[in-house]
Amino acid sequence: MNQPDIGNMDVCIQDVMTAALDNDRGPKDPTDFSDLYTRLIAAQEKLPPLYRERVFQPFIKALDELSEKGFKELLRRDPNREQAAGLLLDIAQAILQNGEGYEEVATDAFQEVVSDLYDGFLSAADRKGIKPPDLSVTAPLVKWGRPEYGPYTWTIDAASHFGLQTGIVNLPPSHAKRGLLGWSALSHETAGHDILHADTGLLKELAQKIREQLLEHNFSASLANYWSQRVDETASDVMGILNMGPAAGIGLIGYFRGLNGAWGGKPTLRNSGPEHDSHPADILRGYLAAGTVRLLHFDKAEAWADLLSAETDKDLTKIQLGRQTVEPDTARQSAAIVARAIAETPLQTLEQHALGEIQNWHNKDEWIASQIRAHIHSGTPLHDCHVSGMYAAHVVAACVTSSLEKGADLSLIFNGMLELLKTMHDANPSWGPLYINHPGDLAQHRAYSISSREQVAG
């Protein structure tokens, strides 16, 4: 079987670097209480009933209780906007940007991807025999801003402090125009963090399973602890791939290379994993992606997994995880076991079902993505593409893999992706006049951090 074509990887990495170095911060944070309140009241009419009830109304109530004095004090206590003030302003931005039409096409496209990824794990068709999540059954609301933090999410357990019944997902404003591989990180954020934090006890049980299975395979306790202590980021990588297929894995590798190249380093995967970093070392995440793709239920899984492993090997030097040095074979083997523990272990928190049973990438998904790629190759407008069973995750997956093919026109693919996703969003019943939580039923966690800067969110 021929390996997939990623001959355009260097161009895609440069696209990520250009996006990462873009200084656009998006709309200015609304720090005047009276003006913010007035704008929120006006913006609510543009939100569908579902989000007026579960985002706008509880947020307005929280502002009423906070008062202008409390609002000013909250901003004073969190000058860097990394804690409560950052969350408050991000919720406000999510409502205002949707209500006031900021980057309307890209925002609606962004929202469609997030809604689809969340629905993929929660729709009745995919979750047979498994109870709904404990904390949220509504897809997060999206916003643009804070480029220094990259893609990130405020999960439901954070957003609930302001009464919200869902989370908030952020992308840097530059990603409304470029940085296509960054869109693959949405599967990590939404199909990962947001889902993991919506089920009480799921993360704790996954961490336990990871540690147990590594120890059973005679890996050191220190390595077992390293992986299990980073379960949130690790499991989010796995769940992102279960939802978006190999595009999430190869997109992750290219995206991390681009971020590292943009912020003063080399455009390669890092081989070091500091003890304080909640993310596994880049090189481990590359091997984890390969191990996860190997578990997917489509015919080209092996070919894609081999490519991901080989691509990760290109950046291999000396793997240093805190104080321990890890041999390459140990890293690869442990990553494969971690992937299997997360994707295939029956979990009590999911009524003895495995995550890979709820969502996976099948031959049908790959066929849909191939039909979208064929449409891209035909040179006809992508928004005219209609494929039976097509969802937003298929569109992003197809556009990411198409962009990596030698000679691909990134700008053409990116703009076509936005237009097609916008068309899908306009037809999404969750954003119409009805209270429809999961259209599928009708048929601050960071993706990355940069050591050379204080923090890069995602």
Protein backbone atom coordinates (compact mmCIF):
# COMPACT_ATOMS: atom_id res chain seq x y z
CA MET A 1 0.00 0.00 0.00
CA ASN A 2 1.37 3.41 -1.01
CA GLN A 3 2.17 5.85 1.75
CA PRO A 4 0.04 9.01 1.97
CA ASP A 5 1.45 12.10 0.26
CA ILE A 6 2.80 14.74 2.66
CA GLY A 7 5.19 16.35 0.21
CA ASN A 8 3.89 19.81 1.11
CA MET A 9 4.79 19.49 4.82
CA ASP A 10 7.40 22.28 4.74
CA VAL A 11 4.94 24.70 3.14
CA CYS A 12 2.32 23.82 5.75
CA ILE A 13 4.85 24.36 8.54
CA GLN A 14 5.71 27.79 7.11
CA ASP A 15 1.98 28.58 7.02
CA VAL A 16 1.76 27.74 10.73
CA MET A 17 4.81 29.89 11.47
CA THR A 18 3.30 32.85 9.63
CA ALA A 19 0.05 32.46 11.57
CA ALA A 20 1.89 32.13 14.89
CA LEU A 21 3.85 35.34 14.30
CA ASP A 22 0.75 37.34 13.33
CA ASN A 23 0.14 40.11 15.88
CA ASP A 24 -3.63 40.32 15.37
CA ARG A 25 -5.24 40.04 18.82
CA GLY A 26 -8.84 40.24 17.66
CA PRO A 27 -11.46 42.48 19.34
CA LYS A 28 -10.33 44.47 22.35
CA ASP A 29 -11.41 43.02 25.68
CA PRO A 30 -14.56 44.75 27.00
CA THR A 31 -13.40 46.19 30.31
CA ASP A 32 -16.09 48.86 30.78
CA PHE A 33 -18.91 47.22 32.74
CA SER A 34 -21.78 49.41 31.52
CA ASP A 35 -20.74 49.23 27.86
CA LEU A 36 -20.23 45.47 28.09
CA TYR A 37 -23.68 44.96 29.62
CA THR A 38 -25.35 47.01 26.88
CA ARG A 39 -23.54 45.16 24.11
CA LEU A 40 -24.35 41.75 25.61
CA ILE A 41 -28.07 42.55 25.76
CA ALA A 42 -27.99 43.51 22.09
CA ALA A 43 -25.90 40.49 21.08
CA GLN A 44 -28.18 37.90 22.68
CA GLU A 45 -30.69 38.08 19.82
CA LYS A 46 -28.11 36.61 17.42
CA LEU A 47 -27.64 33.52 19.60
CA PRO A 48 -29.97 30.55 19.13
CA PRO A 49 -32.32 29.69 22.03
CA LEU A 50 -30.02 26.88 23.18
CA TYR A 51 -27.12 29.27 23.84
CA ARG A 52 -29.27 32.10 25.16
CA GLU A 53 -30.48 29.71 27.84
CA ARG A 54 -27.18 27.98 28.63
CA VAL A 55 -24.62 30.74 28.08
CA PHE A 56 -26.14 34.23 27.88
CA GLN A 57 -28.74 34.06 30.66
CA PRO A 58 -26.50 32.53 33.35
CA PHE A 59 -23.68 34.90 32.40
CA ILE A 60 -25.89 37.98 32.69
CA LYS A 61 -27.10 36.71 36.05
CA ALA A 62 -23.47 36.26 37.17
CA LEU A 63 -22.66 39.83 36.07
CA ASP A 64 -25.69 41.14 37.97
CA GLU A 65 -24.50 39.40 41.12
CA LEU A 66 -20.90 40.55 40.56
CA SER A 67 -21.89 44.22 40.03
CA GLU A 68 -19.67 46.88 38.49
CA LYS A 69 -17.58 47.10 41.66
CA GLY A 70 -16.93 43.34 41.72
CA PHE A 71 -16.19 43.38 37.98
CA LYS A 72 -13.47 45.99 38.42
CA GLU A 73 -12.02 44.11 41.40
CA LEU A 74 -11.92 40.86 39.43
CA LEU A 75 -9.99 42.55 36.61
CA ARG A 76 -7.61 44.13 39.13
CA ARG A 77 -6.83 40.80 40.78
CA ASP A 78 -6.07 39.03 37.49
CA PRO A 79 -4.07 41.55 35.43
CA ASN A 80 -2.68 38.87 33.08
CA ARG A 81 -6.19 37.54 32.36
CA GLU A 82 -5.17 33.93 33.08
CA GLN A 83 -7.71 33.03 35.74
CA ALA A 84 -11.19 34.31 36.67
CA ALA A 85 -10.91 37.61 34.76
CA GLY A 86 -9.61 35.81 31.69
CA LEU A 87 -12.53 33.39 31.79
CA LEU A 88 -15.07 36.19 32.31
CA LEU A 89 -13.72 38.20 29.38
CA ASP A 90 -13.56 35.13 27.15
CA ILE A 91 -17.20 34.28 27.85
CA ALA A 92 -18.10 37.87 27.04
CA GLN A 93 -16.09 37.75 23.83
CA ALA A 94 -17.73 34.49 22.77
CA ILE A 95 -21.18 36.09 23.08
CA LEU A 96 -20.16 39.40 21.52
CA GLN A 97 -18.21 37.96 18.60
CA ASN A 98 -21.11 35.70 17.66
CA GLY A 99 -23.65 38.48 18.19
CA GLU A 100 -21.75 41.31 16.50
CA GLY A 101 -20.55 39.35 13.48
CA TYR A 102 -16.78 39.35 14.05
CA GLU A 103 -15.16 37.32 11.23
CA GLU A 104 -18.62 35.94 10.50
CA VAL A 105 -17.67 33.28 7.95
CA ALA A 106 -14.68 31.99 9.91
CA THR A 107 -16.55 32.16 13.24
CA ASP A 108 -19.47 30.14 11.91
CA ALA A 109 -17.03 27.66 10.35
CA PHE A 110 -15.17 27.37 13.66
CA GLN A 111 -18.43 26.86 15.55
CA GLU A 112 -19.54 24.16 13.13
CA VAL A 113 -16.35 22.15 13.69
CA VAL A 114 -16.60 22.43 17.48
CA SER A 115 -20.30 21.53 17.46
CA ASP A 116 -19.71 18.51 15.25
CA LEU A 117 -16.78 17.20 17.29
CA TYR A 118 -18.71 17.51 20.54
CA ASP A 119 -21.81 15.95 19.03
CA GLY A 120 -19.74 13.03 17.77
CA PHE A 121 -19.18 11.77 21.30
CA LEU A 122 -22.58 12.70 22.67
CA SER A 123 -25.19 11.87 20.04
CA ALA A 124 -27.55 9.03 20.86
CA ALA A 125 -26.46 7.09 17.79
CA ASP A 126 -22.83 6.93 18.98
CA ARG A 127 -23.49 6.62 22.71
CA LYS A 128 -25.84 3.63 22.86
CA GLY A 129 -25.89 2.09 26.33
CA ILE A 130 -23.88 4.93 27.85
CA LYS A 131 -25.35 7.64 30.06
CA PRO A 132 -25.06 11.29 29.01
CA PRO A 133 -22.11 13.24 30.46
CA ASP A 134 -22.49 14.45 34.02
CA LEU A 135 -21.73 18.12 33.46
CA SER A 136 -22.54 19.27 29.93
CA VAL A 137 -24.46 18.05 26.90
CA THR A 138 -24.10 21.27 24.90
CA ALA A 139 -21.24 21.98 22.48
CA PRO A 140 -18.87 24.78 23.56
CA LEU A 141 -19.21 28.30 22.19
CA VAL A 142 -16.25 29.64 20.18
CA LYS A 143 -14.22 32.85 20.13
CA TRP A 144 -11.03 34.37 18.73
CA GLY A 145 -8.24 36.00 20.73
CA ARG A 146 -5.13 35.69 22.91
CA PRO A 147 -2.73 34.52 20.16
CA GLU A 148 0.07 34.04 22.70
CA TYR A 149 -1.90 31.09 24.11
CA GLY A 150 -2.70 29.37 20.82
CA PRO A 151 -5.75 27.06 20.69
CA TYR A 152 -7.24 26.49 24.14
CA THR A 153 -10.46 25.67 25.92
CA TRP A 154 -12.20 26.63 29.15
CA THR A 155 -13.91 23.36 30.00
CA ILE A 156 -17.34 23.07 31.59
CA ASP A 157 -15.95 22.66 35.11
CA ALA A 158 -14.29 26.08 34.75
CA ALA A 159 -17.11 27.84 32.88
CA SER A 160 -19.70 26.61 35.38
CA HIS A 161 -18.29 29.08 37.93
CA PHE A 162 -20.15 31.71 35.90
CA GLY A 163 -23.22 29.51 35.60
CA LEU A 164 -22.57 28.34 32.03
CA GLN A 165 -23.72 24.90 30.95
CA THR A 166 -20.97 24.50 28.38
CA GLY A 167 -17.35 25.49 27.72
CA ILE A 168 -15.54 28.07 25.57
CA VAL A 169 -13.02 27.23 22.82
CA ASN A 170 -10.48 29.76 21.49
CA LEU A 171 -8.37 30.05 18.36
CA PRO A 172 -5.82 32.80 17.59
CA PRO A 173 -7.36 35.44 15.28
CA SER A 174 -4.77 34.67 12.59
CA HIS A 175 -6.36 31.24 12.20
CA ALA A 176 -9.38 32.90 10.64
CA LYS A 177 -7.17 33.55 7.61
CA ARG A 178 -4.36 30.97 7.64
CA GLY A 179 -2.64 28.28 9.74
CA LEU A 180 -4.70 25.40 8.39
CA LEU A 181 -2.95 22.71 10.44
CA GLY A 182 -4.03 24.59 13.57
CA TRP A 183 -7.63 23.67 12.80
CA SER A 184 -6.76 20.02 13.36
CA ALA A 185 -6.02 20.99 17.00
CA LEU A 186 -9.75 21.57 17.51
CA SER A 187 -10.20 17.81 17.75
CA HIS A 188 -7.75 17.82 20.69
CA GLU A 189 -9.60 20.68 22.39
CA THR A 190 -13.23 19.72 21.87
CA ALA A 191 -13.25 15.95 21.33
CA GLY A 192 -10.56 15.82 24.03
CA HIS A 193 -10.56 18.30 26.91
CA ASP A 194 -14.21 19.32 26.69
CA ILE A 195 -15.43 15.72 26.64
CA LEU A 196 -13.00 14.49 29.30
CA HIS A 197 -14.12 17.18 31.73
CA ALA A 198 -17.82 16.60 31.10
CA ASP A 199 -17.79 13.11 32.68
CA THR A 200 -17.00 13.00 36.40
CA GLY A 201 -14.20 10.55 37.19
CA LEU A 202 -13.25 9.80 33.57
CA LEU A 203 -9.81 11.41 33.71
CA LYS A 204 -8.97 9.77 37.03
CA GLU A 205 -9.94 6.34 35.73
CA LEU A 206 -7.95 6.81 32.52
CA ALA A 207 -4.85 7.84 34.49
CA GLN A 208 -5.17 4.70 36.60
CA LYS A 209 -5.54 2.46 33.51
CA ILE A 210 -2.50 4.03 31.83
CA ARG A 211 -0.31 3.47 34.88
CA GLU A 212 -1.56 -0.10 35.45
CA GLN A 213 -1.00 -1.19 31.88
CA LEU A 214 2.48 0.31 31.61
CA LEU A 215 3.51 -1.40 34.85
CA GLU A 216 2.00 -4.70 33.63
CA HIS A 217 4.26 -4.46 30.56
CA ASN A 218 7.32 -3.95 32.80
CA PHE A 219 7.91 -0.27 32.12
CA SER A 220 9.47 1.72 34.95
CA ALA A 221 7.30 3.34 37.59
CA SER A 222 8.81 6.72 36.69
CA LEU A 223 7.73 6.40 33.05
CA ALA A 224 4.28 5.11 34.07
CA ASN A 225 3.91 8.11 36.36
CA TYR A 226 5.10 10.48 33.64
CA TRP A 227 2.39 9.34 31.24
CA SER A 228 -0.41 9.04 33.80
CA GLN A 229 0.26 12.48 35.30
CA ARG A 230 -0.27 13.98 31.84
CA VAL A 231 -3.51 12.13 31.17
CA ASP A 232 -5.53 15.22 30.26
CA GLU A 233 -3.29 16.20 27.34
CA THR A 234 -2.47 12.60 26.41
CA ALA A 235 -6.07 11.43 26.30
CA SER A 236 -7.07 14.57 24.41
CA ASP A 237 -4.58 13.68 21.65
CA VAL A 238 -6.02 10.16 21.43
CA MET A 239 -9.64 11.29 21.43
CA GLY A 240 -8.91 13.92 18.80
CA ILE A 241 -7.61 11.21 16.47
CA LEU A 242 -10.56 8.94 17.20
CA ASN A 243 -12.78 11.79 15.98
CA MET A 244 -10.79 13.21 13.06
CA GLY A 245 -8.68 10.28 11.97
CA PRO A 246 -5.03 10.46 10.86
CA ALA A 247 -5.38 14.13 9.89
CA ALA A 248 -5.38 14.99 13.61
CA GLY A 249 -2.12 13.07 14.05
CA ILE A 250 -0.17 14.45 11.10
CA GLY A 251 -1.67 17.88 11.73
CA LEU A 252 -0.37 17.75 15.30
CA ILE A 253 3.19 17.00 14.11
CA GLY A 254 3.22 19.79 11.54
CA TYR A 255 1.56 22.27 13.88
CA PHE A 256 4.02 21.70 16.70
CA ARG A 257 6.94 22.05 14.29
CA GLY A 258 5.54 25.35 13.07
CA LEU A 259 5.04 26.72 16.59
CA ASN A 260 8.56 25.73 17.61
CA GLY A 261 9.97 27.35 14.48
CA ALA A 262 8.00 30.54 15.04
CA TRP A 263 9.12 31.11 18.61
CA GLY A 264 12.86 31.06 18.35
CA GLY A 265 13.61 27.38 18.01
CA LYS A 266 13.86 24.92 15.16
CA PRO A 267 10.79 23.67 13.26
CA THR A 268 11.14 20.22 14.81
CA LEU A 269 9.47 18.22 17.55
CA ARG A 270 11.02 18.75 20.97
CA ASN A 271 12.63 15.73 22.62
CA SER A 272 12.57 17.15 26.15
CA GLY A 273 9.67 17.05 28.57
CA PRO A 274 10.10 19.35 31.58
CA GLU A 275 8.71 18.06 34.87
CA HIS A 276 6.42 21.08 35.26
CA ASP A 277 4.86 20.77 31.77
CA SER A 278 1.42 19.15 31.72
CA HIS A 279 2.02 18.11 28.11
CA PRO A 280 4.09 15.04 27.18
CA ALA A 281 7.24 15.78 25.18
CA ASP A 282 6.48 16.46 21.50
CA ILE A 283 8.34 13.37 20.38
CA LEU A 284 6.14 11.18 22.60
CA ARG A 285 3.03 12.82 21.19
CA GLY A 286 4.19 11.94 17.70
CA TYR A 287 4.60 8.28 18.69
CA LEU A 288 1.29 8.40 20.56
CA ALA A 289 -0.40 9.63 17.38
CA ALA A 290 1.11 6.74 15.44
CA GLY A 291 -0.02 4.26 18.09
CA THR A 292 -3.55 5.65 18.08
CA VAL A 293 -3.90 5.69 14.29
CA ARG A 294 -2.86 2.03 14.25
CA LEU A 295 -6.01 1.30 16.28
CA LEU A 296 -8.39 3.04 13.87
CA HIS A 297 -10.93 0.96 11.97
CA PHE A 298 -10.06 1.81 8.36
CA ASP A 299 -7.97 -0.02 5.78
CA LYS A 300 -5.19 2.58 5.49
CA ALA A 301 -4.57 2.78 9.24
CA GLU A 302 -1.27 0.86 9.08
CA ALA A 303 0.10 2.97 6.24
CA TRP A 304 -0.78 6.18 8.07
CA ALA A 305 0.62 4.88 11.37
CA ASP A 306 3.91 3.92 9.71
CA LEU A 307 4.14 7.37 8.13
CA LEU A 308 3.48 9.11 11.46
CA SER A 309 6.12 7.02 13.20
CA ALA A 310 8.67 7.67 10.45
CA GLU A 311 7.88 11.39 10.45
CA THR A 312 8.37 11.53 14.21
CA ASP A 313 11.67 9.65 13.87
CA LYS A 314 12.99 12.47 11.67
CA ASP A 315 13.10 14.74 14.74
CA LEU A 316 14.44 12.13 17.17
CA THR A 317 17.52 13.05 19.22
CA LYS A 318 17.87 12.33 22.95
CA ILE A 319 14.60 11.89 24.81
CA GLN A 320 14.77 13.54 28.22
CA LEU A 321 11.67 13.42 30.41
CA GLY A 322 12.36 15.39 33.55
CA ARG A 323 15.36 13.66 35.10
CA GLN A 324 14.99 10.41 33.16
CA THR A 325 16.46 9.57 29.78
CA VAL A 326 14.27 7.27 27.68
CA GLU A 327 15.42 5.04 24.84
CA PRO A 328 13.60 5.50 21.51
CA ASP A 329 12.19 1.95 21.47
CA THR A 330 10.92 2.41 25.02
CA ALA A 331 9.24 5.66 24.00
CA ARG A 332 7.56 4.08 20.97
CA GLN A 333 6.40 0.98 22.83
CA SER A 334 5.09 2.88 25.83
CA ALA A 335 3.19 5.29 23.56
CA ALA A 336 1.51 2.36 21.80
CA ILE A 337 0.40 0.88 25.14
CA VAL A 338 -0.89 4.26 26.33
CA ALA A 339 -2.87 4.69 23.12
CA ARG A 340 -4.45 1.27 23.55
CA ALA A 341 -5.19 1.88 27.25
CA ILE A 342 -7.06 5.09 26.42
CA ALA A 343 -8.87 3.95 23.28
CA GLU A 344 -9.71 0.33 24.03
CA THR A 345 -10.02 -0.16 27.80
CA PRO A 346 -13.62 -0.60 29.06
CA LEU A 347 -14.26 2.10 31.67
CA GLN A 348 -16.62 2.13 34.63
CA THR A 349 -17.34 5.80 34.02
CA LEU A 350 -18.65 4.82 30.56
CA GLU A 351 -20.69 1.79 31.69
CA GLN A 352 -17.88 -0.61 30.71
CA HIS A 353 -17.53 0.83 27.21
CA ALA A 354 -14.27 2.04 25.68
CA LEU A 355 -13.75 5.46 24.12
CA GLY A 356 -12.92 3.81 20.82
CA GLU A 357 -16.36 2.20 20.79
CA ILE A 358 -18.07 5.58 20.95
CA GLN A 359 -16.04 7.17 18.18
CA ASN A 360 -13.56 5.86 15.63
CA TRP A 361 -12.40 6.52 12.08
CA HIS A 362 -13.93 3.91 9.76
CA ASN A 363 -13.67 3.15 6.05
CA LYS A 364 -16.83 5.20 5.52
CA ASP A 365 -15.18 8.23 7.14
CA GLU A 366 -12.08 7.81 5.00
CA TRP A 367 -14.24 7.44 1.88
CA ILE A 368 -16.09 10.68 2.69
CA ALA A 369 -12.78 12.48 3.22
CA SER A 370 -11.49 11.09 -0.08
CA GLN A 371 -14.55 12.40 -1.90
CA ILE A 372 -13.94 15.87 -0.45
CA ARG A 373 -10.27 15.66 -1.51
CA ALA A 374 -11.37 14.65 -5.01
CA HIS A 375 -13.58 17.73 -5.12
CA ILE A 376 -10.61 19.88 -4.09
CA HIS A 377 -8.50 18.31 -6.86
CA SER A 378 -11.25 18.99 -9.41
CA GLY A 379 -10.75 22.72 -8.99
CA THR A 380 -14.47 23.44 -8.51
CA PRO A 381 -15.65 25.55 -5.56
CA LEU A 382 -15.51 23.52 -2.37
CA HIS A 383 -18.74 24.99 -1.03
CA ASP A 384 -20.50 23.11 -3.85
CA CYS A 385 -19.27 19.79 -2.43
CA HIS A 386 -22.06 17.50 -1.24
CA VAL A 387 -21.20 14.03 0.05
CA SER A 388 -23.69 11.76 1.82
CA GLY A 389 -22.88 11.49 5.53
CA MET A 390 -20.43 14.44 5.46
CA TYR A 391 -19.76 16.26 8.73
CA ALA A 392 -17.44 19.10 9.71
CA ALA A 393 -14.75 16.73 11.01
CA HIS A 394 -14.60 15.12 7.55
CA VAL A 395 -14.16 18.52 5.93
CA VAL A 396 -11.28 19.58 8.18
CA ALA A 397 -9.64 16.15 7.89
CA ALA A 398 -9.86 16.24 4.09
CA CYS A 399 -8.54 19.82 3.88
CA VAL A 400 -5.63 19.11 6.24
CA THR A 401 -4.52 16.02 4.32
CA SER A 402 -5.05 17.78 0.96
CA SER A 403 -2.94 20.72 2.09
CA LEU A 404 -0.08 18.32 2.85
CA GLU A 405 -0.04 16.88 -0.68
CA LYS A 406 2.83 18.08 -2.85
CA GLY A 407 2.00 21.25 -4.76
CA ALA A 408 -1.23 21.97 -2.85
CA ASP A 409 -2.58 25.54 -2.86
CA LEU A 410 -3.07 26.24 0.85
CA SER A 411 -4.94 29.50 0.42
CA LEU A 412 -7.44 27.94 -2.00
CA ILE A 413 -8.02 24.96 0.29
CA PHE A 414 -8.32 27.08 3.44
CA ASN A 415 -10.82 29.54 1.98
CA GLY A 416 -12.82 26.70 0.44
CA MET A 417 -12.90 24.94 3.82
CA LEU A 418 -14.29 28.04 5.53
CA GLU A 419 -16.98 28.51 2.90
CA LEU A 420 -18.11 24.88 3.04
CA LEU A 421 -18.18 24.84 6.84
CA LYS A 422 -20.12 28.11 6.84
CA THR A 423 -22.70 26.54 4.53
CA MET A 424 -22.98 23.56 6.87
CA HIS A 425 -23.34 25.84 9.88
CA ASP A 426 -26.17 27.77 8.25
CA ALA A 427 -28.06 24.49 7.95
CA ASN A 428 -27.24 23.29 11.48
CA PRO A 429 -30.50 22.91 13.47
CA SER A 430 -28.70 23.68 16.75
CA TRP A 431 -28.28 27.22 15.44
CA GLY A 432 -31.88 27.57 14.34
CA PRO A 433 -35.00 28.46 16.33
CA LEU A 434 -35.33 25.01 17.96
CA TYR A 435 -33.72 23.57 21.12
CA ILE A 436 -31.79 20.82 19.34
CA ASN A 437 -28.75 19.80 21.34
CA HIS A 438 -27.19 17.15 19.09
CA PRO A 439 -27.92 17.31 15.36
CA GLY A 440 -26.55 13.77 15.10
CA ASP A 441 -29.63 12.62 17.01
CA LEU A 442 -31.72 13.67 14.05
CA ALA A 443 -30.27 11.00 11.89
CA GLN A 444 -8.37 26.65 30.08
CA HIS A 445 -6.56 23.53 28.74
CA ARG A 446 -3.88 24.08 26.18
CA ALA A 447 -3.00 21.98 23.15
CA TYR A 448 0.64 23.03 23.35
CA SER A 449 3.16 25.03 25.33
CA ILE A 450 6.42 26.65 24.29
CA SER A 451 9.31 26.49 26.74
CA SER A 452 11.04 29.54 25.27
CA ARG A 453 8.01 31.70 26.05
CA GLU A 454 6.11 31.99 29.29
CA GLN A 455 3.13 29.92 28.00
CA VAL A 456 1.45 29.19 24.71
CA ALA A 457 -2.08 27.98 25.16
CA GLY A 458 -4.07 25.44 23.34
